[in-house]
Protein backbone atom coordinates (compact mmCIF):
# COMPACT_ATOMS: atom_id res chain seq x y z
CA MET A 1 34.98 27.43 38.57
CA LYS A 2 32.73 27.94 35.64
CA THR A 3 30.22 24.90 35.17
CA ILE A 4 28.25 23.84 32.15
CA LYS A 5 24.54 22.85 32.20
CA ALA A 6 23.74 19.39 30.79
CA GLU A 7 20.79 16.87 30.71
CA SER A 8 20.90 13.08 30.59
CA TYR A 9 18.69 10.21 30.28
CA TRP A 10 18.41 7.75 33.09
CA VAL A 11 16.95 4.40 33.88
CA LYS A 12 15.19 4.24 37.33
CA GLY A 13 15.00 0.60 38.48
CA SER A 14 12.84 -1.27 36.17
CA LYS A 15 10.74 0.20 33.39
CA LYS A 16 10.92 3.72 34.51
CA GLY A 17 13.27 6.49 32.81
CA TYR A 18 13.64 10.05 33.52
CA ILE A 19 15.62 13.19 32.21
CA LYS A 20 18.21 14.58 34.77
CA SER A 21 19.57 17.79 34.72
CA HIS A 22 22.94 18.52 36.07
CA VAL A 23 26.27 20.42 35.71
CA ILE A 24 29.56 19.55 34.22
CA SER A 25 33.29 20.90 34.72
CA PRO A 26 34.57 22.52 31.65
CA PRO A 27 37.32 20.63 29.77
CA SER A 28 40.96 20.48 31.34
CA GLU A 29 44.11 20.06 29.19
CA ASN A 30 43.69 17.33 26.46
CA GLU A 31 39.92 17.23 26.88
CA LEU A 32 37.02 18.26 24.51
CA LEU A 33 33.48 19.73 25.30
CA ILE A 34 30.89 17.99 23.31
CA LYS A 35 27.75 19.29 22.24
CA THR A 36 25.57 15.89 21.25
CA LEU A 37 23.82 16.17 17.70
CA TYR A 38 22.47 12.62 17.66
CA SER A 39 22.46 9.70 20.07
CA GLY A 40 21.46 6.17 18.85
CA ILE A 41 19.36 3.53 20.72
CA SER A 42 20.79 -0.08 20.79
CA PHE A 43 17.27 -1.43 21.35
CA GLY A 44 18.13 -5.00 22.13
CA THR A 45 20.87 -4.28 24.94
CA GLU A 46 18.73 -0.98 26.26
CA LYS A 47 15.66 -2.87 26.52
CA ILE A 48 17.43 -5.29 28.84
CA VAL A 49 18.71 -2.41 30.87
CA PHE A 50 15.25 -0.70 30.86
CA THR A 51 13.45 -3.85 32.09
CA GLY A 52 15.97 -4.53 34.62
CA ASP A 53 17.05 -7.79 33.23
CA VAL A 54 20.82 -7.51 33.24
CA PRO A 55 22.07 -10.79 35.09
CA THR A 56 23.32 -9.94 38.89
CA SER A 57 26.47 -11.79 38.19
CA GLN A 58 27.17 -9.43 35.13
CA ARG A 59 26.49 -5.95 36.36
CA GLU A 60 29.95 -5.09 36.71
CA LEU A 61 31.33 -6.78 33.42
CA MET A 62 28.45 -5.38 31.37
CA ARG A 63 29.12 -1.76 32.41
CA CYS A 64 29.64 0.61 29.32
CA PRO A 65 32.59 2.93 29.09
CA TYR A 66 30.70 6.07 30.38
CA GLN A 67 28.06 4.61 32.52
CA GLU A 68 26.99 6.36 35.86
CA GLY A 69 25.06 4.38 38.41
CA SER A 70 24.30 0.72 38.71
CA PHE A 71 22.18 -1.66 36.79
CA GLY A 72 19.00 -2.33 38.98
CA ARG A 73 19.22 1.03 40.35
CA ASP A 74 19.47 4.50 38.81
CA VAL A 75 21.75 4.36 35.70
CA LYS A 76 22.93 6.24 32.98
CA TYR A 77 23.54 3.84 30.09
CA GLY A 78 24.00 4.08 26.36
CA TYR A 79 27.16 3.88 23.79
CA ILE A 80 26.33 5.54 20.75
CA ASN A 81 26.90 9.33 20.39
CA ILE A 82 27.54 11.90 17.59
CA GLY A 83 28.48 15.26 18.65
CA LYS A 84 30.22 18.50 17.59
CA VAL A 85 33.31 19.75 19.57
CA ILE A 86 32.35 23.18 21.08
CA ASP A 87 35.31 23.87 23.29
CA GLY A 88 38.97 22.32 23.35
CA LYS A 89 42.23 22.30 21.11
CA ALA A 90 41.77 24.41 18.13
CA SER A 91 42.37 21.47 15.82
CA TYR A 92 39.25 19.95 17.24
CA LEU A 93 36.97 22.83 17.20
CA ASN A 94 33.59 22.43 15.10
CA LYS A 95 34.65 18.76 14.39
CA ASN A 96 31.91 16.09 14.31
CA ILE A 97 32.92 13.13 16.58
CA PHE A 98 31.74 9.76 17.40
CA SER A 99 31.95 8.36 21.23
CA LEU A 100 30.64 5.77 23.40
CA PHE A 101 28.96 8.33 25.46
CA PRO A 102 25.38 7.70 26.83
CA HIS A 103 22.30 9.89 26.10
CA GLN A 104 23.38 13.34 27.09
CA SER A 105 23.17 16.94 25.64
CA LYS A 106 26.70 17.94 26.68
CA TYR A 107 29.69 16.03 27.77
CA VAL A 108 33.49 16.15 28.36
CA LEU A 109 35.67 13.68 26.69
CA ARG A 110 39.57 12.99 26.25
CA GLU A 111 40.91 13.71 23.04
CA ASP A 112 42.29 10.15 22.38
CA GLU A 113 38.67 8.95 22.90
CA ALA A 114 36.86 11.14 20.28
CA LEU A 115 36.83 9.63 16.75
CA ILE A 116 36.48 12.40 14.14
CA ILE A 117 33.89 11.58 11.71
CA PRO A 118 35.18 11.80 7.84
CA LYS A 119 33.12 14.22 5.80
CA ASN A 120 32.20 11.61 3.33
CA ILE A 121 30.09 9.88 6.09
CA PRO A 122 26.64 10.99 6.96
CA LEU A 123 26.22 11.62 10.55
CA LYS A 124 23.40 9.54 11.10
CA ARG A 125 24.88 6.59 9.42
CA CYS A 126 27.69 6.67 12.05
CA LEU A 127 25.11 5.68 14.80
CA LEU A 128 25.72 2.19 13.25
CA ILE A 129 29.46 2.12 14.28
CA PRO A 130 28.91 0.02 17.46
CA ASN A 131 26.84 -2.59 15.60
CA MET A 132 29.25 -2.66 12.64
CA GLU A 133 32.09 -3.62 15.32
CA THR A 134 29.83 -6.06 16.69
CA ALA A 135 29.54 -7.67 13.08
CA ILE A 136 33.25 -7.36 12.59
CA ASN A 137 33.99 -9.01 15.82
CA GLY A 138 31.67 -11.96 14.93
CA ILE A 139 33.54 -12.28 11.52
CA TRP A 140 36.88 -12.32 13.40
CA ASP A 141 35.64 -14.97 15.64
CA THR A 142 34.75 -17.24 12.85
CA LEU A 143 36.94 -16.34 10.12
CA PRO A 144 34.97 -17.21 7.04
CA SER A 145 36.68 -18.28 3.92
CA LEU A 146 36.16 -19.03 0.32
CA GLY A 147 33.25 -21.20 -0.29
CA ASP A 148 31.64 -21.37 3.14
CA LYS A 149 27.97 -21.51 3.38
CA ILE A 150 26.78 -18.95 5.84
CA LEU A 151 23.53 -18.60 7.74
CA ILE A 152 22.66 -15.46 9.78
CA VAL A 153 19.47 -15.80 11.84
CA GLY A 154 17.87 -12.54 12.71
CA ALA A 155 17.58 -9.70 10.35
CA GLY A 156 17.92 -6.63 13.09
CA ILE A 157 20.91 -4.15 12.56
CA VAL A 158 23.69 -6.74 13.85
CA GLY A 159 22.36 -9.54 11.50
CA CYS A 160 21.99 -7.43 8.54
CA LEU A 161 25.61 -5.89 9.10
CA THR A 162 27.18 -9.32 9.63
CA ALA A 163 25.30 -10.56 6.51
CA TYR A 164 26.47 -7.63 4.55
CA LEU A 165 30.09 -8.17 5.59
CA ALA A 166 30.19 -11.95 5.05
CA ASN A 167 28.55 -11.13 1.45
CA LYS A 168 31.62 -9.17 0.79
CA LEU A 169 33.97 -12.10 1.06
CA PHE A 170 34.24 -13.66 -2.49
CA GLY A 171 32.62 -17.02 -3.15
CA ASN A 172 30.39 -17.34 -0.06
CA ASP A 173 26.83 -18.45 -0.14
CA VAL A 174 25.24 -16.23 2.42
CA LEU A 175 21.47 -16.64 3.61
CA LEU A 176 19.84 -14.19 6.04
CA VAL A 177 16.59 -15.42 7.71
CA ASP A 178 13.90 -13.63 9.74
CA LYS A 179 10.36 -14.42 10.51
CA ASP A 180 9.41 -10.87 9.93
CA ILE A 181 8.73 -10.94 6.15
CA GLN A 182 9.15 -7.05 5.86
CA LYS A 183 12.74 -7.58 6.46
CA LYS A 184 12.90 -8.85 2.85
CA LEU A 185 13.01 -5.40 1.63
CA ILE A 186 15.97 -4.39 3.67
CA ALA A 187 17.87 -7.79 2.53
CA LYS A 188 16.99 -6.79 -1.01
CA LYS A 189 18.48 -3.28 -0.79
CA LEU A 190 21.70 -4.83 0.81
CA ASN A 191 21.94 -7.54 -2.17
CA LEU A 192 21.37 -10.26 0.28
CA GLU A 193 19.61 -13.52 -0.21
CA PHE A 194 16.53 -13.66 2.42
CA THR A 195 14.09 -16.21 3.44
CA SER A 196 11.52 -16.24 6.24
CA SER A 197 12.02 -19.66 7.13
CA ILE A 198 14.99 -22.08 6.78
CA PRO A 199 14.69 -24.66 4.14
CA LYS A 200 14.72 -28.18 5.96
CA THR A 201 17.58 -29.36 3.61
CA TYR A 202 19.62 -26.17 4.07
CA LYS A 203 23.00 -26.95 5.85
CA ALA A 204 25.46 -24.15 6.73
CA ASN A 205 28.93 -24.63 8.19
CA ILE A 206 29.06 -21.12 9.91
CA ILE A 207 25.81 -19.96 11.76
CA TYR A 208 25.44 -16.21 13.17
CA GLU A 209 22.71 -16.14 15.99
CA CYS A 210 21.46 -12.54 15.94
CA SER A 211 17.79 -12.77 16.64
CA GLY A 212 18.18 -12.05 20.31
CA ASN A 213 15.91 -14.95 20.90
CA GLU A 214 17.17 -17.62 23.21
CA LYS A 215 14.80 -20.31 21.76
CA VAL A 216 16.10 -20.37 18.53
CA LEU A 217 19.15 -22.45 19.15
CA ASN A 218 17.48 -25.82 19.04
CA ASN A 219 15.84 -25.12 16.01
CA ILE A 220 19.14 -23.93 14.30
CA GLN A 221 20.91 -27.24 15.02
CA LYS A 222 18.82 -28.99 12.41
CA ASN A 223 20.47 -26.63 9.73
CA ILE A 224 24.39 -27.29 10.77
CA SER A 225 26.82 -29.51 8.93
CA LYS A 226 29.56 -31.44 10.06
CA GLU A 227 32.05 -29.24 12.08
CA SER A 228 29.94 -26.24 12.02
CA LYS A 229 30.70 -23.07 13.89
CA LEU A 230 27.69 -21.23 15.62
CA CYS A 231 28.61 -17.83 16.72
CA ILE A 232 26.17 -16.07 19.07
CA LEU A 233 25.92 -12.36 18.58
CA SER A 234 22.92 -11.91 20.95
CA TRP A 235 22.83 -10.91 24.48
CA TYR A 236 20.01 -12.94 26.02
CA GLY A 237 20.22 -11.10 29.62
CA ASN A 238 18.52 -13.38 32.14
CA GLN A 239 16.66 -15.46 29.68
CA ILE A 240 17.30 -18.89 29.98
CA SER A 241 18.04 -21.16 26.84
CA LYS A 242 17.31 -24.85 27.05
CA ILE A 243 19.55 -26.55 24.41
CA LYS A 244 19.47 -30.12 23.40
CA MET A 245 23.22 -30.86 23.41
CA GLY A 246 22.79 -34.36 22.66
CA GLU A 247 21.56 -34.23 19.03
CA GLU A 248 23.08 -32.56 16.10
CA PHE A 249 25.33 -30.26 18.11
CA PHE A 250 26.94 -33.45 19.39
CA SER A 251 26.99 -35.81 16.49
CA LYS A 252 28.08 -33.21 14.06
CA ARG A 253 30.79 -31.82 16.57
CA ALA A 254 29.74 -28.22 16.30
CA SER A 255 31.54 -25.37 18.00
CA ILE A 256 29.68 -22.74 19.76
CA LYS A 257 31.41 -19.45 20.22
CA PHE A 258 29.69 -16.26 22.04
CA SER A 259 31.26 -13.19 20.42
CA GLN A 260 31.14 -10.44 22.86
CA VAL A 261 32.18 -6.97 21.46
CA SER A 262 33.99 -5.58 24.47
CA SER A 263 36.87 -7.92 23.78
CA LEU A 264 38.95 -8.57 20.83
CA PRO A 265 39.26 -11.91 19.56
CA GLU A 266 42.46 -13.55 20.42
CA ASN A 267 43.47 -13.91 16.53
CA ARG A 268 43.40 -9.96 16.53
CA LEU A 269 44.99 -8.99 19.74
CA HIS A 270 48.59 -8.38 18.30
CA ASN A 271 47.67 -6.10 15.57
CA TRP A 272 44.49 -4.36 16.51
CA ASN A 273 42.73 -2.50 19.41
CA HIS A 274 39.29 -1.12 20.17
CA PHE A 275 40.11 2.35 18.49
CA LYS A 276 41.44 0.78 15.34
CA ARG A 277 38.44 -1.60 15.04
CA ARG A 278 36.24 1.39 15.49
CA GLU A 279 38.10 2.97 12.66
CA LEU A 280 37.77 0.22 10.42
CA ALA A 281 33.88 0.04 11.23
CA ILE A 282 33.45 3.62 10.06
CA GLU A 283 35.38 2.88 6.89
CA MET A 284 32.92 -0.12 6.24
CA LEU A 285 30.09 2.29 6.62
CA ASN A 286 31.16 4.08 3.68
CA ASP A 287 28.20 2.68 1.53
CA LYS A 288 24.87 4.68 1.07
CA LYS A 289 22.99 1.32 0.86
CA LEU A 290 23.38 1.07 4.68
CA ASP A 291 21.01 4.08 5.45
CA ILE A 292 18.22 1.53 5.06
CA LEU A 293 19.10 0.32 8.71
CA ILE A 294 18.22 3.87 10.23
CA ASP A 295 14.93 4.52 11.35
CA LYS A 296 13.54 7.62 9.42
CA LYS A 297 11.18 8.48 12.23
CA VAL A 298 13.52 10.64 14.70
CA ILE A 299 12.67 10.85 18.31
CA ASP A 300 13.27 13.99 20.69
CA PHE A 301 15.83 13.42 23.45
CA ARG A 302 13.09 14.49 25.86
CA ASP A 303 10.81 11.82 24.79
CA LEU A 304 13.21 8.98 25.64
CA PRO A 305 11.44 7.91 28.82
CA SER A 306 8.12 7.48 27.10
CA PHE A 307 9.51 5.97 24.14
CA PHE A 308 10.99 3.00 26.16
CA GLY A 309 7.86 2.64 28.14
CA LYS A 310 5.71 2.19 25.19
CA ASN A 311 8.00 0.10 22.75
CA LEU A 312 9.08 -3.07 24.51
CA THR A 313 7.51 -5.29 22.23
CA LYS A 314 8.92 -3.67 19.16
CA ASN A 315 11.96 -4.68 16.86
CA TYR A 316 13.48 -1.22 15.58
CA MET A 317 16.24 -0.60 13.13
CA CYS A 318 18.51 2.08 14.44
CA LYS A 319 16.58 4.65 16.39
CA VAL A 320 17.84 8.08 16.08
CA VAL A 321 17.60 10.67 18.98
CA LYS A 322 17.84 14.19 18.09
CA TYR A 323 18.96 17.02 20.82
């Protein structure tokens, strides 16, 4: 049988990465051979994987769709891939597609798992699809409506996209906060109100925690109103958050919801599935303003091992990997 050469990025144990060469089988019926053009780094999540901080109890639950290996050992991880179909059914040939495949030069994918990218959406912007899905899930989990006062903590990709979606809902007061004052330029480009510190008198009835910092939760409760909803879109890995449950969270009857993108909210189960949500995400990306969330400095696929090793303390926008 003919085989195809491919390369993929792997994490070895803790804080070590390498490029692995291997062979893959050609596509069977109803399968496609994809040549990767770009992959994206979901920095918060992949940092947890690279540093070996995936909780032991969650190692099976937090596997991504095409992961190989195991957390804590050698693992191929990632879920943002833009590629071109180079073999398969004629109707797919030369089409650009999005998939949840890790960082790999070529791979085989089932036809029904390939999302064809519309010609009006730039390829690099499509690297934001998983983050947009996360933001959509957060909106569905909280159902903001007319007149809500909404606070988004953390102006990373997910925070900015959540604020962007919330701001599209008529009549809402949306405030994006991040201690990094440079994020103000991004917020301005997205027509979002921004602050580097939350005013003491500011009270929100919906708060999205997107900072990835487990220590901010106690500070947030100073800014909740009666019956507030706190939606946590961050994954803290092994980090422990000490929350003062006996203060405002208790007296103001706050609801705390962890929004995890691998599952659809119950209020959407009857009419939605993961693929339809992904199609909605790409539709919501049809706005050139969102290109501000994509890091202009592209890195080469073969430089991935050194990139993670040198950049653990940085907070990136969407990092583009070129093949």
